[in-house]
């Protein structure tokens, strides 16, 4: 059931009226780059939520921004980082044709640093939430000794990163990239990944993403010990035909919002908020 606040928040945001106090915070990473995040401090008795944007985006991406503002309006502490992706103080999305040197592991390390930052603020519990391919950074982090305060993972529109050339091409591509990495190769190469038809990246960068194919994602979900919920749209045209059935066979709880697309926008942003809030209850 939608509350008055559900309907009022988007209206206020559309008028440019802040719904909860937000501040931009910075973090010095281990590699000396500076990362930023939007932070809303909420009620101390509620869990804190870290929300992560999708591939090459920022915390201002609409799906994340709307959800962050709405959760903050409900009294939750919310931290929405922008992964540096190798760029200090990054504040805009990276184009596919840029030279990419970032890796999935580096993104997961930034999540670890932000979890530590939030933990230092004496929060009682932390929930991780991500959108689209941003979920693979969270899966990577959760697969390697996550902090005990992390109590749940809520993935939104998780995609399998399938290749246009077909999954049968992945082992060969991964094998070639591994050979290049072992040989110390740093030349810029072009490869297809996600919505990028020609992603220009170093071999280790492209390899780190291509390794996260459908099988690796599903295996990671089954190995992670914290509770997992995946919120999906029934009309998400970025998914392979068999992705939802395969996802439902994992240990994750899968919620499908009928009629919603990959971004769960329009009327479906209210359904997303309702389901997300329901998953936060009792933590």
C-alpha atoms as a PDB file:
ATOM      1  CA  UNK A   1       0.000   0.000   0.000  1.00  0.00           C
ATOM      2  CA  UNK A   2       1.438   3.372  -1.017  1.00  0.00           C
ATOM      3  CA  UNK A   3       1.618   6.083   1.635  1.00  0.00           C
ATOM      4  CA  UNK A   4       1.174   9.808   0.995  1.00  0.00           C
ATOM      5  CA  UNK A   5       4.952  10.109   1.373  1.00  0.00           C
ATOM      6  CA  UNK A   6       5.440   7.676  -1.543  1.00  0.00           C
ATOM      7  CA  UNK A   7       3.576  10.056  -3.831  1.00  0.00           C
ATOM      8  CA  UNK A   8       4.899  13.278  -2.314  1.00  0.00           C
ATOM      9  CA  UNK A   9       8.636  12.498  -2.498  1.00  0.00           C
ATOM     10  CA  UNK A  10       8.910  12.386  -6.314  1.00  0.00           C
ATOM     11  CA  UNK A  11       6.841  15.588  -6.568  1.00  0.00           C
ATOM     12  CA  UNK A  12       9.086  17.426  -4.129  1.00  0.00           C
ATOM     13  CA  UNK A  13      12.234  16.149  -5.847  1.00  0.00           C
ATOM     14  CA  UNK A  14      10.855  17.206  -9.224  1.00  0.00           C
ATOM     15  CA  UNK A  15      10.372  20.719  -7.845  1.00  0.00           C
ATOM     16  CA  UNK A  16      13.928  20.753  -6.541  1.00  0.00           C
ATOM     17  CA  UNK A  17      12.833  20.673  -2.912  1.00  0.00           C
ATOM     18  CA  UNK A  18      15.158  18.553  -0.735  1.00  0.00           C
ATOM     19  CA  UNK A  19      13.329  15.816   1.164  1.00  0.00           C
ATOM     20  CA  UNK A  20      16.087  14.962   3.616  1.00  0.00           C
ATOM     21  CA  UNK A  21      19.418  16.543   4.388  1.00  0.00           C
ATOM     22  CA  UNK A  22      22.158  15.182   2.130  1.00  0.00           C
ATOM     23  CA  UNK A  23      25.847  15.968   2.116  1.00  0.00           C
ATOM     24  CA  UNK A  24      28.705  15.084  -0.191  1.00  0.00           C
ATOM     25  CA  UNK A  25      31.423  13.169   1.623  1.00  0.00           C
ATOM     26  CA  UNK A  26      34.886  12.204   0.414  1.00  0.00           C
ATOM     27  CA  UNK A  27      37.181   9.281   1.072  1.00  0.00           C
ATOM     28  CA  UNK A  28      40.901   8.901   0.379  1.00  0.00           C
ATOM     29  CA  UNK A  29      41.414   5.479  -1.169  1.00  0.00           C
ATOM     30  CA  UNK A  30      44.420   3.210  -0.704  1.00  0.00           C
ATOM     31  CA  UNK A  31      45.700   4.285  -4.141  1.00  0.00           C
ATOM     32  CA  UNK A  32      45.437   7.964  -3.052  1.00  0.00           C
ATOM     33  CA  UNK A  33      42.518   8.702  -5.373  1.00  0.00           C
ATOM     34  CA  UNK A  34      39.647  10.657  -3.878  1.00  0.00           C
ATOM     35  CA  UNK A  35      36.182   9.079  -4.003  1.00  0.00           C
ATOM     36  CA  UNK A  36      32.891  10.806  -3.242  1.00  0.00           C
ATOM     37  CA  UNK A  37      29.451   9.753  -2.058  1.00  0.00           C
ATOM     38  CA  UNK A  38      26.115  11.286  -1.178  1.00  0.00           C
ATOM     39  CA  UNK A  39      25.276  10.726   2.465  1.00  0.00           C
ATOM     40  CA  UNK A  40      21.964  11.027   4.318  1.00  0.00           C
ATOM     41  CA  UNK A  41      22.134  10.529   8.076  1.00  0.00           C
ATOM     42  CA  UNK A  42      19.012   8.829   9.365  1.00  0.00           C
ATOM     43  CA  UNK A  43      17.544   7.441  12.555  1.00  0.00           C
ATOM     44  CA  UNK A  44      20.041   5.493  14.692  1.00  0.00           C
ATOM     45  CA  UNK A  45      17.709   2.549  15.313  1.00  0.00           C
ATOM     46  CA  UNK A  46      17.366   1.772  11.596  1.00  0.00           C
ATOM     47  CA  UNK A  47      19.945  -0.045   9.458  1.00  0.00           C
ATOM     48  CA  UNK A  48      22.170   1.954   7.125  1.00  0.00           C
ATOM     49  CA  UNK A  49      21.938   1.318   3.378  1.00  0.00           C
ATOM     50  CA  UNK A  50      24.748   1.522   0.832  1.00  0.00           C
ATOM     51  CA  UNK A  51      23.363   1.959  -2.693  1.00  0.00           C
ATOM     52  CA  UNK A  52      25.627   1.388  -5.694  1.00  0.00           C
ATOM     53  CA  UNK A  53      25.095   2.588  -9.247  1.00  0.00           C
ATOM     54  CA  UNK A  54      25.466   0.488 -12.402  1.00  0.00           C
ATOM     55  CA  UNK A  55      28.330   0.077 -14.872  1.00  0.00           C
ATOM     56  CA  UNK A  56      30.212   3.349 -15.609  1.00  0.00           C
ATOM     57  CA  UNK A  57      27.496   5.467 -13.915  1.00  0.00           C
ATOM     58  CA  UNK A  58      27.512   7.675 -10.783  1.00  0.00           C
ATOM     59  CA  UNK A  59      25.370   7.942  -7.665  1.00  0.00           C
ATOM     60  CA  UNK A  60      23.257  10.499  -9.556  1.00  0.00           C
ATOM     61  CA  UNK A  61      21.902   7.751 -11.847  1.00  0.00           C
ATOM     62  CA  UNK A  62      18.093   8.127 -11.605  1.00  0.00           C
ATOM     63  CA  UNK A  63      17.273   4.618 -10.310  1.00  0.00           C
ATOM     64  CA  UNK A  64      19.766   5.007  -7.449  1.00  0.00           C
ATOM     65  CA  UNK A  65      19.107   8.695  -6.806  1.00  0.00           C
ATOM     66  CA  UNK A  66      15.337   8.237  -6.497  1.00  0.00           C
ATOM     67  CA  UNK A  67      15.690   5.235  -4.202  1.00  0.00           C
ATOM     68  CA  UNK A  68      18.327   6.954  -2.023  1.00  0.00           C
ATOM     69  CA  UNK A  69      16.162  10.052  -1.549  1.00  0.00           C
ATOM     70  CA  UNK A  70      13.066   7.970  -0.831  1.00  0.00           C
ATOM     71  CA  UNK A  71      14.822   5.757   1.746  1.00  0.00           C
ATOM     72  CA  UNK A  72      16.268   8.852   3.402  1.00  0.00           C
ATOM     73  CA  UNK A  73      12.763  10.307   3.523  1.00  0.00           C
ATOM     74  CA  UNK A  74      11.713   7.163   5.415  1.00  0.00           C
ATOM     75  CA  UNK A  75      14.391   7.825   8.055  1.00  0.00           C
ATOM     76  CA  UNK A  76      17.144   5.472   6.863  1.00  0.00           C
ATOM     77  CA  UNK A  77      20.816   6.356   6.800  1.00  0.00           C
ATOM     78  CA  UNK A  78      21.841   6.118   3.133  1.00  0.00           C
ATOM     79  CA  UNK A  79      25.300   6.219   1.570  1.00  0.00           C
ATOM     80  CA  UNK A  80      25.444   6.313  -2.238  1.00  0.00           C
ATOM     81  CA  UNK A  81      29.074   6.157  -3.441  1.00  0.00           C
ATOM     82  CA  UNK A  82      30.388   6.933  -6.881  1.00  0.00           C
ATOM     83  CA  UNK A  83      33.088   4.384  -7.678  1.00  0.00           C
ATOM     84  CA  UNK A  84      36.236   6.186  -8.755  1.00  0.00           C
ATOM     85  CA  UNK A  85      36.935   3.843 -11.705  1.00  0.00           C
ATOM     86  CA  UNK A  86      40.458   5.225 -11.587  1.00  0.00           C
ATOM     87  CA  UNK A  87      39.384   8.889 -11.726  1.00  0.00           C
ATOM     88  CA  UNK A  88      39.811  11.089  -8.657  1.00  0.00           C
ATOM     89  CA  UNK A  89      36.668  13.013  -7.642  1.00  0.00           C
ATOM     90  CA  UNK A  90      34.764  11.371 -10.526  1.00  0.00           C
ATOM     91  CA  UNK A  91      31.394  13.096 -10.974  1.00  0.00           C
ATOM     92  CA  UNK A  92      30.181  11.988 -14.394  1.00  0.00           C
ATOM     93  CA  UNK A  93      29.654   8.721 -16.202  1.00  0.00           C
ATOM     94  CA  UNK A  94      32.530   7.307 -18.227  1.00  0.00           C
ATOM     95  CA  UNK A  95      32.028   6.817 -21.974  1.00  0.00           C
ATOM     96  CA  UNK A  96      32.717   3.399 -23.485  1.00  0.00           C
ATOM     97  CA  UNK A  97      35.442   4.880 -25.678  1.00  0.00           C
ATOM     98  CA  UNK A  98      37.438   6.212 -22.716  1.00  0.00           C
ATOM     99  CA  UNK A  99      40.538   4.245 -21.742  1.00  0.00           C
ATOM    100  CA  UNK A 100      39.411   1.984 -18.900  1.00  0.00           C
ATOM    101  CA  UNK A 101      41.937   0.674 -16.377  1.00  0.00           C
ATOM    102  CA  UNK A 102      39.561  -0.113 -13.477  1.00  0.00           C
ATOM    103  CA  UNK A 103      38.762  -3.650 -12.372  1.00  0.00           C
ATOM    104  CA  UNK A 104      35.947  -5.372 -10.527  1.00  0.00           C
ATOM    105  CA  UNK A 105      38.305  -6.113  -7.636  1.00  0.00           C
ATOM    106  CA  UNK A 106      39.227  -2.429  -7.332  1.00  0.00           C
ATOM    107  CA  UNK A 107      35.529  -1.534  -7.191  1.00  0.00           C
ATOM    108  CA  UNK A 108      34.965  -4.145  -4.478  1.00  0.00           C
ATOM    109  CA  UNK A 109      37.888  -2.684  -2.522  1.00  0.00           C
ATOM    110  CA  UNK A 110      36.187   0.722  -2.630  1.00  0.00           C
ATOM    111  CA  UNK A 111      32.992  -0.840  -1.287  1.00  0.00           C
ATOM    112  CA  UNK A 112      35.047  -2.298   1.563  1.00  0.00           C
ATOM    113  CA  UNK A 113      36.465   1.166   2.294  1.00  0.00           C
ATOM    114  CA  UNK A 114      32.989   2.741   2.315  1.00  0.00           C
ATOM    115  CA  UNK A 115      31.675   0.001   4.621  1.00  0.00           C
ATOM    116  CA  UNK A 116      34.521   0.833   7.021  1.00  0.00           C
ATOM    117  CA  UNK A 117      33.686   4.554   6.738  1.00  0.00           C
ATOM    118  CA  UNK A 118      30.055   3.872   7.581  1.00  0.00           C
ATOM    119  CA  UNK A 119      30.973   1.483  10.398  1.00  0.00           C
ATOM    120  CA  UNK A 120      33.036   4.245  12.000  1.00  0.00           C
ATOM    121  CA  UNK A 121      29.812   6.237  12.341  1.00  0.00           C
ATOM    122  CA  UNK A 122      28.548   3.560  14.762  1.00  0.00           C
ATOM    123  CA  UNK A 123      25.687   2.243  12.649  1.00  0.00           C
ATOM    124  CA  UNK A 124      24.088  -0.955  13.957  1.00  0.00           C
ATOM    125  CA  UNK A 125      23.687  -2.809  10.645  1.00  0.00           C
ATOM    126  CA  UNK A 126      24.505  -2.275   6.973  1.00  0.00           C
ATOM    127  CA  UNK A 127      22.453  -3.356   3.953  1.00  0.00           C
ATOM    128  CA  UNK A 128      24.028  -3.414   0.494  1.00  0.00           C
ATOM    129  CA  UNK A 129      21.943  -2.549  -2.547  1.00  0.00           C
ATOM    130  CA  UNK A 130      23.014  -2.267  -6.163  1.00  0.00           C
ATOM    131  CA  UNK A 131      21.600  -1.716  -9.622  1.00  0.00           C
ATOM    132  CA  UNK A 132      22.345  -3.645 -12.809  1.00  0.00           C
ATOM    133  CA  UNK A 133      26.025  -4.570 -13.259  1.00  0.00           C
ATOM    134  CA  UNK A 134      26.873  -2.592 -10.133  1.00  0.00           C
ATOM    135  CA  UNK A 135      25.818  -5.746  -8.329  1.00  0.00           C
ATOM    136  CA  UNK A 136      28.946  -7.617  -9.412  1.00  0.00           C
ATOM    137  CA  UNK A 137      31.151  -5.311  -7.323  1.00  0.00           C
ATOM    138  CA  UNK A 138      28.960  -6.131  -4.342  1.00  0.00           C
ATOM    139  CA  UNK A 139      29.078  -9.857  -5.079  1.00  0.00           C
ATOM    140  CA  UNK A 140      32.865  -9.670  -5.292  1.00  0.00           C
ATOM    141  CA  UNK A 141      33.026  -7.871  -1.938  1.00  0.00           C
ATOM    142  CA  UNK A 142      30.581 -10.250  -0.263  1.00  0.00           C
ATOM    143  CA  UNK A 143      32.564 -13.242  -1.468  1.00  0.00           C
ATOM    144  CA  UNK A 144      35.649 -12.193   0.469  1.00  0.00           C
ATOM    145  CA  UNK A 145      35.178 -11.721   4.222  1.00  0.00           C
ATOM    146  CA  UNK A 146      32.539  -8.979   4.349  1.00  0.00           C
ATOM    147  CA  UNK A 147      32.213  -6.986   7.550  1.00  0.00           C
ATOM    148  CA  UNK A 148      29.979  -8.610  10.167  1.00  0.00           C
ATOM    149  CA  UNK A 149      27.728  -5.524  10.150  1.00  0.00           C
ATOM    150  CA  UNK A 150      26.659  -6.323   6.589  1.00  0.00           C
ATOM    151  CA  UNK A 151      23.386  -8.172   7.143  1.00  0.00           C
ATOM    152  CA  UNK A 152      21.731  -8.341   3.718  1.00  0.00           C
ATOM    153  CA  UNK A 153      22.203  -7.799  -0.019  1.00  0.00           C
ATOM    154  CA  UNK A 154      19.360  -6.442  -2.155  1.00  0.00           C
ATOM    155  CA  UNK A 155      20.156  -6.527  -5.859  1.00  0.00           C
ATOM    156  CA  UNK A 156      18.069  -4.576  -8.368  1.00  0.00           C
ATOM    157  CA  UNK A 157      17.870  -5.627 -12.030  1.00  0.00           C
ATOM    158  CA  UNK A 158      20.986  -7.789 -11.800  1.00  0.00           C
ATOM    159  CA  UNK A 159      22.136  -8.690 -15.308  1.00  0.00           C
ATOM    160  CA  UNK A 160      24.333 -11.504 -16.490  1.00  0.00           C
ATOM    161  CA  UNK A 161      26.665  -9.476 -18.684  1.00  0.00           C
ATOM    162  CA  UNK A 162      26.023 -11.823 -21.603  1.00  0.00           C
ATOM    163  CA  UNK A 163      27.989 -11.403 -24.807  1.00  0.00           C
ATOM    164  CA  UNK A 164      26.427 -10.524 -28.146  1.00  0.00           C
ATOM    165  CA  UNK A 165      28.719 -13.154 -29.711  1.00  0.00           C
ATOM    166  CA  UNK A 166      27.172 -15.753 -27.408  1.00  0.00           C
ATOM    167  CA  UNK A 167      28.354 -17.400 -24.214  1.00  0.00           C
ATOM    168  CA  UNK A 168      30.315 -19.989 -26.171  1.00  0.00           C
ATOM    169  CA  UNK A 169      32.757 -17.188 -27.060  1.00  0.00           C
ATOM    170  CA  UNK A 170      33.504 -16.255 -23.427  1.00  0.00           C
ATOM    171  CA  UNK A 171      36.046 -19.001 -22.521  1.00  0.00           C
ATOM    172  CA  UNK A 172      38.180 -18.199 -25.566  1.00  0.00           C
ATOM    173  CA  UNK A 173      38.123 -14.447 -24.892  1.00  0.00           C
ATOM    174  CA  UNK A 174      38.902 -14.941 -21.204  1.00  0.00           C
ATOM    175  CA  UNK A 175      41.752 -17.329 -22.062  1.00  0.00           C
ATOM    176  CA  UNK A 176      43.353 -14.844 -24.471  1.00  0.00           C
ATOM    177  CA  UNK A 177      43.073 -12.022 -21.953  1.00  0.00           C
ATOM    178  CA  UNK A 178      44.610 -14.153 -19.202  1.00  0.00           C
ATOM    179  CA  UNK A 179      47.557 -14.870 -21.467  1.00  0.00           C
ATOM    180  CA  UNK A 180      48.011 -11.161 -22.093  1.00  0.00           C
ATOM    181  CA  UNK A 181      47.837 -10.374 -18.374  1.00  0.00           C
ATOM    182  CA  UNK A 182      50.354 -13.111 -17.527  1.00  0.00           C
ATOM    183  CA  UNK A 183      52.658 -11.676 -20.165  1.00  0.00           C
ATOM    184  CA  UNK A 184      52.442  -8.222 -18.629  1.00  0.00           C
ATOM    185  CA  UNK A 185      50.496  -6.776 -21.550  1.00  0.00           C
ATOM    186  CA  UNK A 186      49.131  -3.276 -21.004  1.00  0.00           C
ATOM    187  CA  UNK A 187      48.123  -2.366 -24.536  1.00  0.00           C
ATOM    188  CA  UNK A 188      44.636  -0.971 -24.987  1.00  0.00           C
ATOM    189  CA  UNK A 189      42.253  -3.447 -26.562  1.00  0.00           C
ATOM    190  CA  UNK A 190      38.626  -3.238 -27.637  1.00  0.00           C
ATOM    191  CA  UNK A 191      35.961  -5.674 -26.571  1.00  0.00           C
ATOM    192  CA  UNK A 192      32.199  -5.867 -26.138  1.00  0.00           C
ATOM    193  CA  UNK A 193      30.799  -5.786 -22.636  1.00  0.00           C
ATOM    194  CA  UNK A 194      27.342  -4.817 -21.411  1.00  0.00           C
ATOM    195  CA  UNK A 195      26.014  -1.867 -23.439  1.00  0.00           C
ATOM    196  CA  UNK A 196      29.517  -1.021 -24.733  1.00  0.00           C
ATOM    197  CA  UNK A 197      30.076  -2.429 -28.206  1.00  0.00           C
ATOM    198  CA  UNK A 198      33.700  -1.288 -28.101  1.00  0.00           C
ATOM    199  CA  UNK A 199      34.953  -0.932 -24.562  1.00  0.00           C
ATOM    200  CA  UNK A 200      38.544   0.339 -24.708  1.00  0.00           C
ATOM    201  CA  UNK A 201      40.422  -1.144 -21.773  1.00  0.00           C
ATOM    202  CA  UNK A 202      43.640  -2.677 -20.551  1.00  0.00           C
ATOM    203  CA  UNK A 203      43.688  -6.502 -20.614  1.00  0.00           C
ATOM    204  CA  UNK A 204      43.353  -6.837 -16.827  1.00  0.00           C
ATOM    205  CA  UNK A 205      40.428  -4.412 -16.773  1.00  0.00           C
ATOM    206  CA  UNK A 206      38.418  -6.127 -19.509  1.00  0.00           C
ATOM    207  CA  UNK A 207      39.301  -9.559 -18.124  1.00  0.00           C
ATOM    208  CA  UNK A 208      37.945  -8.686 -14.673  1.00  0.00           C
ATOM    209  CA  UNK A 209      34.525  -7.922 -16.168  1.00  0.00           C
ATOM    210  CA  UNK A 210      34.372 -10.733 -18.717  1.00  0.00           C
ATOM    211  CA  UNK A 211      35.137 -13.259 -15.989  1.00  0.00           C
ATOM    212  CA  UNK A 212      31.828 -12.337 -14.357  1.00  0.00           C
ATOM    213  CA  UNK A 213      29.684 -14.296 -16.756  1.00  0.00           C
ATOM    214  CA  UNK A 214      26.275 -15.838 -15.952  1.00  0.00           C
ATOM    215  CA  UNK A 215      27.704 -18.977 -14.325  1.00  0.00           C
ATOM    216  CA  UNK A 216      30.080 -17.029 -12.071  1.00  0.00           C
ATOM    217  CA  UNK A 217      27.306 -14.678 -10.930  1.00  0.00           C
ATOM    218  CA  UNK A 218      24.945 -17.530 -10.056  1.00  0.00           C
ATOM    219  CA  UNK A 219      27.705 -19.453  -8.276  1.00  0.00           C
ATOM    220  CA  UNK A 220      28.634 -16.370  -6.248  1.00  0.00           C
ATOM    221  CA  UNK A 221      25.007 -15.879  -5.170  1.00  0.00           C
ATOM    222  CA  UNK A 222      24.862 -19.453  -3.862  1.00  0.00           C
ATOM    223  CA  UNK A 223      28.166 -19.140  -1.991  1.00  0.00           C
ATOM    224  CA  UNK A 224      27.438 -15.888  -0.180  1.00  0.00           C
ATOM    225  CA  UNK A 225      26.103 -16.434   3.325  1.00  0.00           C
ATOM    226  CA  UNK A 226      24.188 -13.201   3.965  1.00  0.00           C
ATOM    227  CA  UNK A 227      20.503 -13.180   2.953  1.00  0.00           C
ATOM    228  CA  UNK A 228      20.012 -12.079  -0.658  1.00  0.00           C
ATOM    229  CA  UNK A 229      16.974 -10.618  -2.378  1.00  0.00           C
ATOM    230  CA  UNK A 230      16.849  -9.812  -6.087  1.00  0.00           C
ATOM    231  CA  UNK A 231      14.227  -7.347  -7.332  1.00  0.00           C
ATOM    232  CA  UNK A 232      13.605  -7.674 -11.063  1.00  0.00           C
ATOM    233  CA  UNK A 233      11.297  -6.252 -13.728  1.00  0.00           C
ATOM    234  CA  UNK A 234       9.235  -8.611 -15.882  1.00  0.00           C
ATOM    235  CA  UNK A 235       9.847  -6.412 -18.955  1.00  0.00           C
ATOM    236  CA  UNK A 236      13.588  -5.982 -18.486  1.00  0.00           C
ATOM    237  CA  UNK A 237      14.859  -6.292 -22.076  1.00  0.00           C
ATOM    238  CA  UNK A 238      18.504  -6.439 -20.987  1.00  0.00           C
ATOM    239  CA  UNK A 239      18.180  -9.987 -19.685  1.00  0.00           C
ATOM    240  CA  UNK A 240      18.829 -13.231 -21.508  1.00  0.00           C
ATOM    241  CA  UNK A 241      15.782 -15.419 -22.077  1.00  0.00           C
ATOM    242  CA  UNK A 242      16.758 -17.950 -19.413  1.00  0.00           C
ATOM    243  CA  UNK A 243      18.187 -15.514 -16.857  1.00  0.00           C
ATOM    244  CA  UNK A 244      15.168 -15.167 -14.563  1.00  0.00           C
ATOM    245  CA  UNK A 245      14.511 -18.937 -14.392  1.00  0.00           C
ATOM    246  CA  UNK A 246      18.174 -19.560 -13.581  1.00  0.00           C
ATOM    247  CA  UNK A 247      18.183 -16.797 -10.975  1.00  0.00           C
ATOM    248  CA  UNK A 248      15.140 -18.319  -9.289  1.00  0.00           C
ATOM    249  CA  UNK A 249      17.026 -21.598  -8.845  1.00  0.00           C
ATOM    250  CA  UNK A 250      19.642 -19.952  -6.613  1.00  0.00           C
ATOM    251  CA  UNK A 251      19.326 -19.405  -2.869  1.00  0.00           C
ATOM    252  CA  UNK A 252      18.288 -15.787  -3.464  1.00  0.00           C
ATOM    253  CA  UNK A 253      14.745 -14.603  -2.893  1.00  0.00           C
ATOM    254  CA  UNK A 254      13.571 -13.282  -6.267  1.00  0.00           C
ATOM    255  CA  UNK A 255      10.836 -10.642  -6.541  1.00  0.00           C
ATOM    256  CA  UNK A 256       9.530  -9.851 -10.034  1.00  0.00           C
ATOM    257  CA  UNK A 257       7.637  -6.591 -10.534  1.00  0.00           C
ATOM    258  CA  UNK A 258       5.133  -7.155 -13.319  1.00  0.00           C
ATOM    259  CA  UNK A 259       5.495  -4.651 -16.171  1.00  0.00           C
ATOM    260  CA  UNK A 260       8.696  -2.995 -14.897  1.00  0.00           C
ATOM    261  CA  UNK A 261      11.725  -2.430 -17.117  1.00  0.00           C
ATOM    262  CA  UNK A 262      15.440  -2.461 -16.265  1.00  0.00           C
ATOM    263  CA  UNK A 263      15.278   0.914 -14.530  1.00  0.00           C
ATOM    264  CA  UNK A 264      12.036   0.354 -12.582  1.00  0.00           C
ATOM    265  CA  UNK A 265      11.021   3.932 -13.330  1.00  0.00           C
ATOM    266  CA  UNK A 266       7.666   5.667 -13.697  1.00  0.00           C
ATOM    267  CA  UNK A 267       4.922   4.044 -11.656  1.00  0.00           C
ATOM    268  CA  UNK A 268       7.216   1.118 -10.806  1.00  0.00           C
ATOM    269  CA  UNK A 269       9.547   3.209  -8.648  1.00  0.00           C
ATOM    270  CA  UNK A 270       6.848   2.999  -5.966  1.00  0.00           C
ATOM    271  CA  UNK A 271       6.787  -0.798  -6.210  1.00  0.00           C
ATOM    272  CA  UNK A 272      10.578  -0.858  -5.954  1.00  0.00           C
ATOM    273  CA  UNK A 273      10.462   1.300  -2.832  1.00  0.00           C
ATOM    274  CA  UNK A 274       7.713  -0.824  -1.265  1.00  0.00           C
ATOM    275  CA  UNK A 275       9.655  -4.050  -1.808  1.00  0.00           C
ATOM    276  CA  UNK A 276      12.950  -2.529  -0.669  1.00  0.00           C
ATOM    277  CA  UNK A 277      11.366  -1.207   2.520  1.00  0.00           C
ATOM    278  CA  UNK A 278       9.777  -4.585   3.189  1.00  0.00           C
ATOM    279  CA  UNK A 279      13.220  -6.229   2.897  1.00  0.00           C
ATOM    280  CA  UNK A 280      14.618  -3.790   5.464  1.00  0.00           C
ATOM    281  CA  UNK A 281      12.058  -4.675   8.118  1.00  0.00           C
ATOM    282  CA  UNK A 282      13.294  -6.653  11.081  1.00  0.00           C
ATOM    283  CA  UNK A 283      16.998  -5.990  10.503  1.00  0.00           C
END
